[in-house]
Amino acid sequence: MSKKTKELLDNLNKITEKPRNRFEGKPTIPDTNRMWKSAHESGITPLPKSYEPIKWNKEVDTDGTVEYWTPFDRVYGGIGLNAQRIIQKDGTTYEGKLYKKRRLIKSKSMLGEEKNFYSTCTVTADGRWFDNGGFPIDPPKQEDQQEEEEKAEIGFAKRELTEEEKAEQAKWKTRAESDMLKKLK
């Protein structure tokens, strides 16, 4: 490709570029997207293996207490169609598709009874998994995951009409049409 052709193509790219919105601010990380080192080490909400090695940010309170935190991806939103969104660890919003899946959770009660239940999860198109609290998790084993079933619409049950009921409805329909035609004359 000649130098002049390359220069023309570069100028064409500049024409089609969207201008940067000068009013749009730099993305910020919400406080709810911060994993505190004390919570991570306690094991209550551990981060998945994909976050390792973890880079901790130091924060000093006004009273001199030192805490460490790291940003993480989190799911926010409701139960409506396309109501969920992901705020990523850099503060931007995830633009890809979100899927619903469920995973099998096996638990033991204090009496030793084994109880299994399904927990709803959100999965991104690039393979990141989130629990029903919006926190990132390691992907479950293949046998523990299932596609979320589409729920049937809630409505009234309709039963089939008998021949007698169909004849009765037809009679009333013709009667209503004839009354309407009489009013027109």
C-alpha atoms as a PDB file:
ATOM      1  CA  MET A   1       0.000   0.000   0.000  1.00  0.00           C
ATOM      2  CA  SER A   2       1.376   3.376  -0.936  1.00  0.00           C
ATOM      3  CA  LYS A   3       2.127   6.098   1.566  1.00  0.00           C
ATOM      4  CA  LYS A   4      -0.564   8.391   0.172  1.00  0.00           C
ATOM      5  CA  THR A   5      -3.257   5.661   0.304  1.00  0.00           C
ATOM      6  CA  LYS A   6      -2.364   4.886   3.908  1.00  0.00           C
ATOM      7  CA  GLU A   7      -2.570   8.583   4.786  1.00  0.00           C
ATOM      8  CA  LEU A   8      -6.028   8.865   3.148  1.00  0.00           C
ATOM      9  CA  LEU A   9      -7.310   5.816   5.071  1.00  0.00           C
ATOM     10  CA  ASP A  10      -6.029   7.235   8.354  1.00  0.00           C
ATOM     11  CA  ASN A  11      -7.848  10.502   7.652  1.00  0.00           C
ATOM     12  CA  LEU A  12     -11.031   8.561   6.842  1.00  0.00           C
ATOM     13  CA  ASN A  13     -10.838   6.823  10.230  1.00  0.00           C
ATOM     14  CA  LYS A  14     -10.605  10.209  11.918  1.00  0.00           C
ATOM     15  CA  ILE A  15     -13.797  11.350  10.133  1.00  0.00           C
ATOM     16  CA  THR A  16     -15.847   8.370  11.334  1.00  0.00           C
ATOM     17  CA  GLU A  17     -14.596   8.566  14.940  1.00  0.00           C
ATOM     18  CA  LYS A  18     -17.130   9.768  17.471  1.00  0.00           C
ATOM     19  CA  PRO A  19     -16.018  12.909  19.261  1.00  0.00           C
ATOM     20  CA  ARG A  20     -15.342  12.436  22.966  1.00  0.00           C
ATOM     21  CA  ASN A  21     -18.145  13.772  25.150  1.00  0.00           C
ATOM     22  CA  ARG A  22     -16.505  16.510  27.191  1.00  0.00           C
ATOM     23  CA  PHE A  23     -19.248  16.310  29.846  1.00  0.00           C
ATOM     24  CA  GLU A  24     -18.805  12.591  30.416  1.00  0.00           C
ATOM     25  CA  GLY A  25     -16.730  11.969  33.509  1.00  0.00           C
ATOM     26  CA  LYS A  26     -14.107   9.370  34.181  1.00  0.00           C
ATOM     27  CA  PRO A  27     -15.635   6.088  35.430  1.00  0.00           C
ATOM     28  CA  THR A  28     -15.429   5.704  39.208  1.00  0.00           C
ATOM     29  CA  ILE A  29     -15.478   2.539  41.283  1.00  0.00           C
ATOM     30  CA  PRO A  30     -18.519   2.375  43.603  1.00  0.00           C
ATOM     31  CA  ASP A  31     -17.878   1.525  47.264  1.00  0.00           C
ATOM     32  CA  THR A  32     -19.983  -1.607  46.830  1.00  0.00           C
ATOM     33  CA  ASN A  33     -17.453  -2.835  44.233  1.00  0.00           C
ATOM     34  CA  ARG A  34     -14.666  -2.876  46.817  1.00  0.00           C
ATOM     35  CA  MET A  35     -13.557  -6.097  48.491  1.00  0.00           C
ATOM     36  CA  TRP A  36     -11.945  -5.339  51.845  1.00  0.00           C
ATOM     37  CA  LYS A  37      -8.971  -7.482  52.768  1.00  0.00           C
ATOM     38  CA  SER A  38     -10.481  -8.394  56.146  1.00  0.00           C
ATOM     39  CA  ALA A  39     -13.659  -9.754  54.476  1.00  0.00           C
ATOM     40  CA  HIS A  40     -11.630 -11.668  51.884  1.00  0.00           C
ATOM     41  CA  GLU A  41      -9.346 -13.269  54.477  1.00  0.00           C
ATOM     42  CA  SER A  42     -12.293 -14.264  56.697  1.00  0.00           C
ATOM     43  CA  GLY A  43     -13.603 -16.448  53.858  1.00  0.00           C
ATOM     44  CA  ILE A  44     -17.110 -14.946  53.930  1.00  0.00           C
ATOM     45  CA  THR A  45     -16.898 -13.662  50.366  1.00  0.00           C
ATOM     46  CA  PRO A  46     -13.727 -14.961  48.711  1.00  0.00           C
ATOM     47  CA  LEU A  47     -12.835 -13.766  45.235  1.00  0.00           C
ATOM     48  CA  PRO A  48     -12.524 -16.324  42.419  1.00  0.00           C
ATOM     49  CA  LYS A  49      -9.144 -17.646  41.312  1.00  0.00           C
ATOM     50  CA  SER A  50      -9.273 -15.413  38.204  1.00  0.00           C
ATOM     51  CA  TYR A  51      -8.588 -12.363  40.426  1.00  0.00           C
ATOM     52  CA  GLU A  52      -5.246 -13.703  41.694  1.00  0.00           C
ATOM     53  CA  PRO A  53      -2.724 -12.209  42.254  1.00  0.00           C
ATOM     54  CA  ILE A  54      -4.763  -9.579  44.089  1.00  0.00           C
ATOM     55  CA  LYS A  55      -3.471  -5.993  44.095  1.00  0.00           C
ATOM     56  CA  TRP A  56      -4.527  -4.316  47.354  1.00  0.00           C
ATOM     57  CA  ASN A  57      -5.085  -0.539  47.599  1.00  0.00           C
ATOM     58  CA  LYS A  58      -4.225   1.090  50.913  1.00  0.00           C
ATOM     59  CA  GLU A  59      -6.715   3.399  52.636  1.00  0.00           C
ATOM     60  CA  VAL A  60      -6.133   5.251  55.898  1.00  0.00           C
ATOM     61  CA  ASP A  61      -9.166   6.447  57.910  1.00  0.00           C
ATOM     62  CA  THR A  62      -9.273   9.789  59.714  1.00  0.00           C
ATOM     63  CA  ASP A  63      -8.558   8.002  63.010  1.00  0.00           C
ATOM     64  CA  GLY A  64      -5.428   6.368  61.546  1.00  0.00           C
ATOM     65  CA  THR A  65      -6.860   2.888  60.890  1.00  0.00           C
ATOM     66  CA  VAL A  66      -5.241   1.255  57.866  1.00  0.00           C
ATOM     67  CA  GLU A  67      -7.436  -0.913  55.612  1.00  0.00           C
ATOM     68  CA  TYR A  68      -6.772  -2.529  52.249  1.00  0.00           C
ATOM     69  CA  TRP A  69      -9.261  -3.055  49.418  1.00  0.00           C
ATOM     70  CA  THR A  70      -9.382  -4.251  45.827  1.00  0.00           C
ATOM     71  CA  PRO A  71     -11.992  -3.546  43.145  1.00  0.00           C
ATOM     72  CA  PHE A  72     -14.106  -6.395  41.704  1.00  0.00           C
ATOM     73  CA  ASP A  73     -16.905  -6.889  39.160  1.00  0.00           C
ATOM     74  CA  ARG A  74     -20.450  -6.916  40.549  1.00  0.00           C
ATOM     75  CA  VAL A  75     -23.957  -7.509  39.176  1.00  0.00           C
ATOM     76  CA  TYR A  76     -26.679  -4.960  39.968  1.00  0.00           C
ATOM     77  CA  GLY A  77     -30.299  -4.823  38.937  1.00  0.00           C
ATOM     78  CA  GLY A  78     -33.723  -6.301  39.311  1.00  0.00           C
ATOM     79  CA  ILE A  79     -35.804  -9.188  38.112  1.00  0.00           C
ATOM     80  CA  GLY A  80     -37.191  -7.478  35.032  1.00  0.00           C
ATOM     81  CA  LEU A  81     -36.152  -8.249  31.491  1.00  0.00           C
ATOM     82  CA  ASN A  82     -32.687  -6.785  30.825  1.00  0.00           C
ATOM     83  CA  ALA A  83     -32.736  -5.111  34.239  1.00  0.00           C
ATOM     84  CA  GLN A  84     -29.367  -6.498  35.301  1.00  0.00           C
ATOM     85  CA  ARG A  85     -26.074  -4.776  34.599  1.00  0.00           C
ATOM     86  CA  ILE A  86     -22.478  -5.362  35.612  1.00  0.00           C
ATOM     87  CA  ILE A  87     -20.199  -2.658  36.935  1.00  0.00           C
ATOM     88  CA  GLN A  88     -16.691  -3.902  36.189  1.00  0.00           C
ATOM     89  CA  LYS A  89     -13.680  -3.456  38.440  1.00  0.00           C
ATOM     90  CA  ASP A  90     -12.466  -0.477  36.378  1.00  0.00           C
ATOM     91  CA  GLY A  91     -15.812   1.327  36.902  1.00  0.00           C
ATOM     92  CA  THR A  92     -17.205   0.770  33.384  1.00  0.00           C
ATOM     93  CA  THR A  93     -20.497  -0.973  32.587  1.00  0.00           C
ATOM     94  CA  TYR A  94     -20.361  -4.376  30.871  1.00  0.00           C
ATOM     95  CA  GLU A  95     -21.993  -4.210  27.427  1.00  0.00           C
ATOM     96  CA  GLY A  96     -22.178  -7.935  26.596  1.00  0.00           C
ATOM     97  CA  LYS A  97     -25.042 -10.412  26.991  1.00  0.00           C
ATOM     98  CA  LEU A  98     -25.997 -11.836  30.398  1.00  0.00           C
ATOM     99  CA  TYR A  99     -27.366 -15.361  30.827  1.00  0.00           C
ATOM    100  CA  LYS A 100     -29.244 -17.008  33.685  1.00  0.00           C
ATOM    101  CA  LYS A 101     -28.051 -20.390  34.895  1.00  0.00           C
ATOM    102  CA  ARG A 102     -28.409 -22.292  38.103  1.00  0.00           C
ATOM    103  CA  ARG A 103     -25.984 -24.349  40.137  1.00  0.00           C
ATOM    104  CA  LEU A 104     -26.551 -27.196  42.549  1.00  0.00           C
ATOM    105  CA  ILE A 105     -25.608 -26.367  46.138  1.00  0.00           C
ATOM    106  CA  LYS A 106     -25.051 -29.311  48.502  1.00  0.00           C
ATOM    107  CA  SER A 107     -25.310 -28.503  52.192  1.00  0.00           C
ATOM    108  CA  LYS A 108     -25.428 -30.375  55.479  1.00  0.00           C
ATOM    109  CA  SER A 109     -27.582 -29.276  58.387  1.00  0.00           C
ATOM    110  CA  MET A 110     -26.353 -29.337  61.979  1.00  0.00           C
ATOM    111  CA  LEU A 111     -28.239 -32.621  62.426  1.00  0.00           C
ATOM    112  CA  GLY A 112     -26.267 -34.190  59.576  1.00  0.00           C
ATOM    113  CA  GLU A 113     -29.103 -34.147  57.027  1.00  0.00           C
ATOM    114  CA  GLU A 114     -27.995 -33.491  53.472  1.00  0.00           C
ATOM    115  CA  LYS A 115     -30.068 -30.932  51.605  1.00  0.00           C
ATOM    116  CA  ASN A 116     -29.539 -29.954  47.986  1.00  0.00           C
ATOM    117  CA  PHE A 117     -30.953 -26.852  46.366  1.00  0.00           C
ATOM    118  CA  TYR A 118     -30.446 -24.779  43.236  1.00  0.00           C
ATOM    119  CA  SER A 119     -29.068 -21.252  43.314  1.00  0.00           C
ATOM    120  CA  THR A 120     -29.596 -18.835  40.423  1.00  0.00           C
ATOM    121  CA  CYS A 121     -26.431 -17.424  38.849  1.00  0.00           C
ATOM    122  CA  THR A 122     -25.654 -14.804  36.225  1.00  0.00           C
ATOM    123  CA  VAL A 123     -23.107 -15.675  33.533  1.00  0.00           C
ATOM    124  CA  THR A 124     -21.495 -13.264  31.084  1.00  0.00           C
ATOM    125  CA  ALA A 125     -20.820 -14.064  27.443  1.00  0.00           C
ATOM    126  CA  ASP A 126     -17.107 -14.169  28.243  1.00  0.00           C
ATOM    127  CA  GLY A 127     -17.604 -16.808  30.966  1.00  0.00           C
ATOM    128  CA  ARG A 128     -17.594 -14.891  34.254  1.00  0.00           C
ATOM    129  CA  TRP A 129     -19.978 -16.285  36.920  1.00  0.00           C
ATOM    130  CA  PHE A 130     -21.832 -14.315  39.615  1.00  0.00           C
ATOM    131  CA  ASP A 131     -23.938 -15.619  42.500  1.00  0.00           C
ATOM    132  CA  ASN A 132     -27.441 -14.374  43.288  1.00  0.00           C
ATOM    133  CA  GLY A 133     -25.936 -11.643  45.492  1.00  0.00           C
ATOM    134  CA  GLY A 134     -24.013 -10.211  42.534  1.00  0.00           C
ATOM    135  CA  PHE A 135     -20.583 -11.342  43.742  1.00  0.00           C
ATOM    136  CA  PRO A 136     -18.112 -13.089  41.405  1.00  0.00           C
ATOM    137  CA  ILE A 137     -17.668 -16.833  41.935  1.00  0.00           C
ATOM    138  CA  ASP A 138     -15.614 -19.637  40.442  1.00  0.00           C
ATOM    139  CA  PRO A 139     -17.535 -21.496  37.713  1.00  0.00           C
ATOM    140  CA  PRO A 140     -19.177 -24.633  39.147  1.00  0.00           C
ATOM    141  CA  LYS A 141     -18.352 -28.106  37.891  1.00  0.00           C
ATOM    142  CA  GLN A 142     -20.180 -29.072  34.709  1.00  0.00           C
ATOM    143  CA  GLU A 143     -22.481 -31.550  36.495  1.00  0.00           C
ATOM    144  CA  ASP A 144     -23.549 -28.910  39.059  1.00  0.00           C
ATOM    145  CA  GLN A 145     -24.764 -26.327  36.509  1.00  0.00           C
ATOM    146  CA  GLN A 146     -27.987 -26.140  34.506  1.00  0.00           C
ATOM    147  CA  GLU A 147     -29.648 -23.712  32.144  1.00  0.00           C
ATOM    148  CA  GLU A 148     -32.364 -21.671  33.840  1.00  0.00           C
ATOM    149  CA  GLU A 149     -35.772 -22.862  32.698  1.00  0.00           C
ATOM    150  CA  GLU A 150     -38.074 -20.337  31.120  1.00  0.00           C
ATOM    151  CA  LYS A 151     -40.972 -19.780  33.459  1.00  0.00           C
ATOM    152  CA  ALA A 152     -44.443 -20.148  31.988  1.00  0.00           C
ATOM    153  CA  GLU A 153     -46.653 -17.093  31.984  1.00  0.00           C
ATOM    154  CA  ILE A 154     -48.986 -16.915  34.941  1.00  0.00           C
ATOM    155  CA  GLY A 155     -52.597 -16.661  33.893  1.00  0.00           C
ATOM    156  CA  PHE A 156     -56.008 -18.225  34.149  1.00  0.00           C
ATOM    157  CA  ALA A 157     -56.610 -21.823  33.249  1.00  0.00           C
ATOM    158  CA  LYS A 158     -58.913 -22.226  30.262  1.00  0.00           C
ATOM    159  CA  ARG A 159     -61.003 -25.306  29.817  1.00  0.00           C
ATOM    160  CA  GLU A 160     -62.508 -26.610  26.611  1.00  0.00           C
ATOM    161  CA  LEU A 161     -66.163 -25.744  26.044  1.00  0.00           C
ATOM    162  CA  THR A 162     -68.703 -28.501  25.546  1.00  0.00           C
ATOM    163  CA  GLU A 163     -70.787 -28.625  22.353  1.00  0.00           C
ATOM    164  CA  GLU A 164     -73.808 -27.339  24.284  1.00  0.00           C
ATOM    165  CA  GLU A 165     -71.853 -24.333  25.612  1.00  0.00           C
ATOM    166  CA  LYS A 166     -70.483 -23.563  22.132  1.00  0.00           C
ATOM    167  CA  ALA A 167     -74.033 -23.626  20.704  1.00  0.00           C
ATOM    168  CA  GLU A 168     -75.224 -21.312  23.482  1.00  0.00           C
ATOM    169  CA  GLN A 169     -72.404 -18.836  22.771  1.00  0.00           C
ATOM    170  CA  ALA A 170     -73.145 -18.907  19.033  1.00  0.00           C
ATOM    171  CA  LYS A 171     -76.850 -18.240  19.745  1.00  0.00           C
ATOM    172  CA  TRP A 172     -76.026 -15.202  21.901  1.00  0.00           C
ATOM    173  CA  LYS A 173     -73.550 -13.913  19.329  1.00  0.00           C
ATOM    174  CA  THR A 174     -76.105 -14.063  16.484  1.00  0.00           C
ATOM    175  CA  ARG A 175     -78.711 -12.444  18.724  1.00  0.00           C
ATOM    176  CA  ALA A 176     -76.315  -9.554  19.536  1.00  0.00           C
ATOM    177  CA  GLU A 177     -75.519  -9.083  15.832  1.00  0.00           C
ATOM    178  CA  SER A 178     -79.193  -9.014  14.854  1.00  0.00           C
ATOM    179  CA  ASP A 179     -79.956  -6.446  17.611  1.00  0.00           C
ATOM    180  CA  MET A 180     -77.106  -4.274  16.330  1.00  0.00           C
ATOM    181  CA  LEU A 181     -78.416  -4.500  12.734  1.00  0.00           C
ATOM    182  CA  LYS A 182     -81.964  -3.534  13.860  1.00  0.00           C
ATOM    183  CA  LYS A 183     -80.558  -0.384  15.456  1.00  0.00           C
ATOM    184  CA  LEU A 184     -78.874   0.576  12.188  1.00  0.00           C
ATOM    185  CA  LYS A 185     -82.150   0.488  10.170  1.00  0.00           C
END
